[in-house]
Amino acid sequence: MWTVVYIASNKHHAERLKNILTEEGILSQIRAVGLYNAGEGLHEILVPESEAEEAHGIICERVK
């Protein structure tokens, strides 16, 4: 089961976080939330439930 670990403010930010998680060996997905136009709008970062705690920790460390 996939779990949301972060909600990014736009697609660019979501892609950056996805790349960080990939570098750390964590499988992740991006899902747009609601209506968006050309990458704008909220995007969820999802990871497997078993990796959610680790992923959240990585995001908290790397996002300032």
PDB file of N, CA and C in Angstrom:
ATOM      1  N   MET A   1       0.838  -1.170   0.000  1.00  0.00           N
ATOM      2  CA  MET A   1       0.000   0.000   0.000  1.00  0.00           C
ATOM      3  C   MET A   1       0.892   1.246   0.000  1.00  0.00           C
ATOM      4  N   TRP A   2       0.529   2.229  -0.794  1.00  0.00           N
ATOM      5  CA  TRP A   2       1.265   3.487  -0.889  1.00  0.00           C
ATOM      6  C   TRP A   2       0.756   4.476   0.153  1.00  0.00           C
ATOM      7  N   THR A   3       1.671   5.248   0.717  1.00  0.00           N
ATOM      8  CA  THR A   3       1.357   6.197   1.777  1.00  0.00           C
ATOM      9  C   THR A   3       1.911   7.575   1.417  1.00  0.00           C
ATOM     10  N   VAL A   4       1.118   8.607   1.626  1.00  0.00           N
ATOM     11  CA  VAL A   4       1.567   9.977   1.383  1.00  0.00           C
ATOM     12  C   VAL A   4       2.505  10.388   2.519  1.00  0.00           C
ATOM     13  N   VAL A   5       3.702  10.869   2.151  1.00  0.00           N
ATOM     14  CA  VAL A   5       4.654  11.323   3.163  1.00  0.00           C
ATOM     15  C   VAL A   5       4.908  12.822   3.089  1.00  0.00           C
ATOM     16  N   TYR A   6       4.475  13.446   2.003  1.00  0.00           N
ATOM     17  CA  TYR A   6       4.697  14.883   1.855  1.00  0.00           C
ATOM     18  C   TYR A   6       3.781  15.409   0.773  1.00  0.00           C
ATOM     19  N   ILE A   7       3.368  16.660   0.901  1.00  0.00           N
ATOM     20  CA  ILE A   7       2.597  17.327  -0.147  1.00  0.00           C
ATOM     21  C   ILE A   7       3.408  18.536  -0.596  1.00  0.00           C
ATOM     22  N   ALA A   8       3.862  18.483  -1.838  1.00  0.00           N
ATOM     23  CA  ALA A   8       4.689  19.554  -2.402  1.00  0.00           C
ATOM     24  C   ALA A   8       3.805  20.629  -3.028  1.00  0.00           C
ATOM     25  N   SER A   9       4.320  21.845  -3.062  1.00  0.00           N
ATOM     26  CA  SER A   9       3.540  22.975  -3.566  1.00  0.00           C
ATOM     27  C   SER A   9       3.459  23.039  -5.086  1.00  0.00           C
ATOM     28  N   ASN A  10       4.348  22.314  -5.778  1.00  0.00           N
ATOM     29  CA  ASN A  10       4.295  22.278  -7.247  1.00  0.00           C
ATOM     30  C   ASN A  10       5.034  21.041  -7.758  1.00  0.00           C
ATOM     31  N   LYS A  11       4.919  20.783  -9.041  1.00  0.00           N
ATOM     32  CA  LYS A  11       5.504  19.575  -9.622  1.00  0.00           C
ATOM     33  C   LYS A  11       7.033  19.592  -9.551  1.00  0.00           C
ATOM     34  N   HIS A  12       7.631  20.742  -9.753  1.00  0.00           N
ATOM     35  CA  HIS A  12       9.094  20.847  -9.697  1.00  0.00           C
ATOM     36  C   HIS A  12       9.614  20.420  -8.319  1.00  0.00           C
ATOM     37  N   HIS A  13       8.991  20.922  -7.269  1.00  0.00           N
ATOM     38  CA  HIS A  13       9.387  20.551  -5.907  1.00  0.00           C
ATOM     39  C   HIS A  13       9.171  19.055  -5.681  1.00  0.00           C
ATOM     40  N   ALA A  14       8.060  18.531  -6.158  1.00  0.00           N
ATOM     41  CA  ALA A  14       7.765  17.102  -6.019  1.00  0.00           C
ATOM     42  C   ALA A  14       8.818  16.249  -6.725  1.00  0.00           C
ATOM     43  N   GLU A  15       9.211  16.651  -7.921  1.00  0.00           N
ATOM     44  CA  GLU A  15      10.234  15.903  -8.671  1.00  0.00           C
ATOM     45  C   GLU A  15      11.565  15.928  -7.932  1.00  0.00           C
ATOM     46  N   ARG A  16      11.904  17.067  -7.340  1.00  0.00           N
ATOM     47  CA  ARG A  16      13.152  17.175  -6.579  1.00  0.00           C
ATOM     48  C   ARG A  16      13.146  16.213  -5.397  1.00  0.00           C
ATOM     49  N   LEU A  17      12.024  16.158  -4.683  1.00  0.00           N
ATOM     50  CA  LEU A  17      11.922  15.246  -3.538  1.00  0.00           C
ATOM     51  C   LEU A  17      11.952  13.788  -3.979  1.00  0.00           C
ATOM     52  N   LYS A  18      11.296  13.489  -5.074  1.00  0.00           N
ATOM     53  CA  LYS A  18      11.304  12.120  -5.605  1.00  0.00           C
ATOM     54  C   LYS A  18      12.738  11.696  -5.924  1.00  0.00           C
ATOM     55  N   ASN A  19      13.510  12.603  -6.532  1.00  0.00           N
ATOM     56  CA  ASN A  19      14.906  12.300  -6.855  1.00  0.00           C
ATOM     57  C   ASN A  19      15.731  12.052  -5.603  1.00  0.00           C
ATOM     58  N   ILE A  20      15.502  12.839  -4.555  1.00  0.00           N
ATOM     59  CA  ILE A  20      16.212  12.651  -3.284  1.00  0.00           C
ATOM     60  C   ILE A  20      15.903  11.262  -2.722  1.00  0.00           C
ATOM     61  N   LEU A  21      14.633  10.894  -2.718  1.00  0.00           N
ATOM     62  CA  LEU A  21      14.253   9.579  -2.189  1.00  0.00           C
ATOM     63  C   LEU A  21      14.848   8.456  -3.032  1.00  0.00           C
ATOM     64  N   THR A  22      14.861   8.633  -4.348  1.00  0.00           N
ATOM     65  CA  THR A  22      15.445   7.622  -5.231  1.00  0.00           C
ATOM     66  C   THR A  22      16.929   7.440  -4.936  1.00  0.00           C
ATOM     67  N   GLU A  23      17.645   8.553  -4.732  1.00  0.00           N
ATOM     68  CA  GLU A  23      19.066   8.486  -4.386  1.00  0.00           C
ATOM     69  C   GLU A  23      19.298   7.704  -3.096  1.00  0.00           C
ATOM     70  N   GLU A  24      18.337   7.769  -2.191  1.00  0.00           N
ATOM     71  CA  GLU A  24      18.433   7.068  -0.905  1.00  0.00           C
ATOM     72  C   GLU A  24      17.898   5.634  -0.991  1.00  0.00           C
ATOM     73  N   GLY A  25      17.478   5.211  -2.192  1.00  0.00           N
ATOM     74  CA  GLY A  25      17.027   3.840  -2.387  1.00  0.00           C
ATOM     75  C   GLY A  25      15.570   3.593  -2.028  1.00  0.00           C
ATOM     76  N   ILE A  26      14.774   4.655  -1.986  1.00  0.00           N
ATOM     77  CA  ILE A  26      13.358   4.510  -1.643  1.00  0.00           C
ATOM     78  C   ILE A  26      12.503   4.721  -2.884  1.00  0.00           C
ATOM     79  N   LEU A  27      11.669   3.758  -3.170  1.00  0.00           N
ATOM     80  CA  LEU A  27      10.740   3.827  -4.281  1.00  0.00           C
ATOM     81  C   LEU A  27       9.685   4.882  -3.961  1.00  0.00           C
ATOM     82  N   SER A  28       9.379   5.754  -4.925  1.00  0.00           N
ATOM     83  CA  SER A  28       8.378   6.791  -4.665  1.00  0.00           C
ATOM     84  C   SER A  28       7.593   7.116  -5.936  1.00  0.00           C
ATOM     85  N   GLN A  29       6.454   7.740  -5.724  1.00  0.00           N
ATOM     86  CA  GLN A  29       5.577   8.175  -6.810  1.00  0.00           C
ATOM     87  C   GLN A  29       5.134   9.598  -6.530  1.00  0.00           C
ATOM     88  N   ILE A  30       4.714  10.273  -7.602  1.00  0.00           N
ATOM     89  CA  ILE A  30       4.132  11.604  -7.476  1.00  0.00           C
ATOM     90  C   ILE A  30       2.707  11.531  -8.001  1.00  0.00           C
ATOM     91  N   ARG A  31       1.789  12.185  -7.289  1.00  0.00           N
ATOM     92  CA  ARG A  31       0.391  12.222  -7.721  1.00  0.00           C
ATOM     93  C   ARG A  31      -0.128  13.652  -7.555  1.00  0.00           C
ATOM     94  N   ALA A  32      -0.654  14.209  -8.647  1.00  0.00           N
ATOM     95  CA  ALA A  32      -1.235  15.552  -8.594  1.00  0.00           C
ATOM     96  C   ALA A  32      -2.504  15.515  -7.754  1.00  0.00           C
ATOM     97  N   VAL A  33      -2.724  16.599  -7.012  1.00  0.00           N
ATOM     98  CA  VAL A  33      -3.903  16.710  -6.154  1.00  0.00           C
ATOM     99  C   VAL A  33      -4.786  17.815  -6.720  1.00  0.00           C
ATOM    100  N   GLY A  34      -6.019  17.470  -7.038  1.00  0.00           N
ATOM    101  CA  GLY A  34      -6.950  18.477  -7.543  1.00  0.00           C
ATOM    102  C   GLY A  34      -6.563  18.957  -8.929  1.00  0.00           C
ATOM    103  N   LEU A  35      -6.956  20.174  -9.230  1.00  0.00           N
ATOM    104  CA  LEU A  35      -6.680  20.761 -10.538  1.00  0.00           C
ATOM    105  C   LEU A  35      -5.305  21.414 -10.536  1.00  0.00           C
ATOM    106  N   TYR A  36      -4.601  21.267 -11.633  1.00  0.00           N
ATOM    107  CA  TYR A  36      -3.315  21.935 -11.759  1.00  0.00           C
ATOM    108  C   TYR A  36      -3.097  22.269 -13.229  1.00  0.00           C
ATOM    109  N   ASN A  37      -2.202  23.215 -13.466  1.00  0.00           N
ATOM    110  CA  ASN A  37      -1.927  23.676 -14.819  1.00  0.00           C
ATOM    111  C   ASN A  37      -0.418  23.808 -15.000  1.00  0.00           C
ATOM    112  N   ALA A  38       0.121  23.108 -15.962  1.00  0.00           N
ATOM    113  CA  ALA A  38       1.547  23.200 -16.309  1.00  0.00           C
ATOM    114  C   ALA A  38       2.467  23.013 -15.099  1.00  0.00           C
ATOM    115  N   GLY A  39       2.176  22.027 -14.280  1.00  0.00           N
ATOM    116  CA  GLY A  39       3.045  21.710 -13.153  1.00  0.00           C
ATOM    117  C   GLY A  39       2.745  22.466 -11.879  1.00  0.00           C
ATOM    118  N   GLU A  40       1.827  23.409 -11.945  1.00  0.00           N
ATOM    119  CA  GLU A  40       1.456  24.155 -10.748  1.00  0.00           C
ATOM    120  C   GLU A  40       0.426  23.357  -9.962  1.00  0.00           C
ATOM    121  N   GLY A  41       0.288  23.653  -8.712  1.00  0.00           N
ATOM    122  CA  GLY A  41      -0.673  22.953  -7.873  1.00  0.00           C
ATOM    123  C   GLY A  41       0.007  21.915  -7.000  1.00  0.00           C
ATOM    124  N   LEU A  42      -0.734  21.399  -6.056  1.00  0.00           N
ATOM    125  CA  LEU A  42      -0.195  20.462  -5.077  1.00  0.00           C
ATOM    126  C   LEU A  42       0.062  19.088  -5.682  1.00  0.00           C
ATOM    127  N   HIS A  43       1.136  18.456  -5.213  1.00  0.00           N
ATOM    128  CA  HIS A  43       1.500  17.106  -5.639  1.00  0.00           C
ATOM    129  C   HIS A  43       1.888  16.299  -4.404  1.00  0.00           C
ATOM    130  N   GLU A  44       1.321  15.111  -4.273  1.00  0.00           N
ATOM    131  CA  GLU A  44       1.649  14.230  -3.159  1.00  0.00           C
ATOM    132  C   GLU A  44       2.867  13.387  -3.504  1.00  0.00           C
ATOM    133  N   ILE A  45       3.699  13.154  -2.508  1.00  0.00           N
ATOM    134  CA  ILE A  45       4.810  12.213  -2.616  1.00  0.00           C
ATOM    135  C   ILE A  45       4.370  10.957  -1.873  1.00  0.00           C
ATOM    136  N   LEU A  46       4.342   9.844  -2.584  1.00  0.00           N
ATOM    137  CA  LEU A  46       3.912   8.577  -1.993  1.00  0.00           C
ATOM    138  C   LEU A  46       5.057   7.577  -1.999  1.00  0.00           C
ATOM    139  N   VAL A  47       5.113   6.776  -0.940  1.00  0.00           N
ATOM    140  CA  VAL A  47       6.105   5.707  -0.824  1.00  0.00           C
ATOM    141  C   VAL A  47       5.397   4.460  -0.295  1.00  0.00           C
ATOM    142  N   PRO A  48       6.020   3.289  -0.450  1.00  0.00           N
ATOM    143  CA  PRO A  48       5.434   2.102   0.166  1.00  0.00           C
ATOM    144  C   PRO A  48       5.298   2.305   1.678  1.00  0.00           C
ATOM    145  N   GLU A  49       4.222   1.817   2.237  1.00  0.00           N
ATOM    146  CA  GLU A  49       3.930   2.003   3.654  1.00  0.00           C
ATOM    147  C   GLU A  49       5.102   1.586   4.542  1.00  0.00           C
ATOM    148  N   SER A  50       5.781   0.524   4.166  1.00  0.00           N
ATOM    149  CA  SER A  50       6.893   0.018   4.982  1.00  0.00           C
ATOM    150  C   SER A  50       8.095   0.965   5.004  1.00  0.00           C
ATOM    151  N   GLU A  51       8.161   1.911   4.066  1.00  0.00           N
ATOM    152  CA  GLU A  51       9.274   2.853   4.000  1.00  0.00           C
ATOM    153  C   GLU A  51       8.875   4.276   4.373  1.00  0.00           C
ATOM    154  N   ALA A  52       7.640   4.460   4.817  1.00  0.00           N
ATOM    155  CA  ALA A  52       7.116   5.809   5.079  1.00  0.00           C
ATOM    156  C   ALA A  52       7.903   6.548   6.152  1.00  0.00           C
ATOM    157  N   GLU A  53       8.206   5.893   7.249  1.00  0.00           N
ATOM    158  CA  GLU A  53       8.918   6.557   8.339  1.00  0.00           C
ATOM    159  C   GLU A  53      10.307   7.000   7.895  1.00  0.00           C
ATOM    160  N   GLU A  54      11.019   6.123   7.210  1.00  0.00           N
ATOM    161  CA  GLU A  54      12.357   6.457   6.718  1.00  0.00           C
ATOM    162  C   GLU A  54      12.289   7.601   5.704  1.00  0.00           C
ATOM    163  N   ALA A  55      11.335   7.526   4.782  1.00  0.00           N
ATOM    164  CA  ALA A  55      11.186   8.563   3.760  1.00  0.00           C
ATOM    165  C   ALA A  55      10.870   9.913   4.386  1.00  0.00           C
ATOM    166  N   HIS A  56       9.981   9.918   5.352  1.00  0.00           N
ATOM    167  CA  HIS A  56       9.626  11.161   6.031  1.00  0.00           C
ATOM    168  C   HIS A  56      10.853  11.766   6.710  1.00  0.00           C
ATOM    169  N   GLY A  57      11.658  10.928   7.341  1.00  0.00           N
ATOM    170  CA  GLY A  57      12.882  11.397   7.983  1.00  0.00           C
ATOM    171  C   GLY A  57      13.855  12.007   6.991  1.00  0.00           C
ATOM    172  N   ILE A  58      14.011  11.380   5.846  1.00  0.00           N
ATOM    173  CA  ILE A  58      14.903  11.889   4.808  1.00  0.00           C
ATOM    174  C   ILE A  58      14.410  13.242   4.318  1.00  0.00           C
ATOM    175  N   ILE A  59      13.126  13.341   4.062  1.00  0.00           N
ATOM    176  CA  ILE A  59      12.552  14.604   3.584  1.00  0.00           C
ATOM    177  C   ILE A  59      12.753  15.701   4.631  1.00  0.00           C
ATOM    178  N   CYS A  60      12.502  15.394   5.886  1.00  0.00           N
ATOM    179  CA  CYS A  60      12.675  16.389   6.954  1.00  0.00           C
ATOM    180  C   CYS A  60      14.127  16.863   7.049  1.00  0.00           C
ATOM    181  N   GLU A  61      15.068  15.966   6.835  1.00  0.00           N
ATOM    182  CA  GLU A  61      16.492  16.303   6.869  1.00  0.00           C
ATOM    183  C   GLU A  61      16.901  17.206   5.718  1.00  0.00           C
ATOM    184  N   ARG A  62      16.385  16.912   4.521  1.00  0.00           N
ATOM    185  CA  ARG A  62      16.854  17.554   3.312  1.00  0.00           C
ATOM    186  C   ARG A  62      16.063  18.788   2.893  1.00  0.00           C
ATOM    187  N   VAL A  63      14.861  18.937   3.396  1.00  0.00           N
ATOM    188  CA  VAL A  63      14.019  20.078   3.003  1.00  0.00           C
ATOM    189  C   VAL A  63      14.110  21.144   4.089  1.00  0.00           C
ATOM    190  N   LYS A  64      14.554  22.269   3.712  1.00  0.00           N
ATOM    191  CA  LYS A  64      14.674  23.384   4.653  1.00  0.00           C
ATOM    192  C   LYS A  64      13.849  24.548   4.165  1.00  0.00           C
TER     193      LYS A  64
END
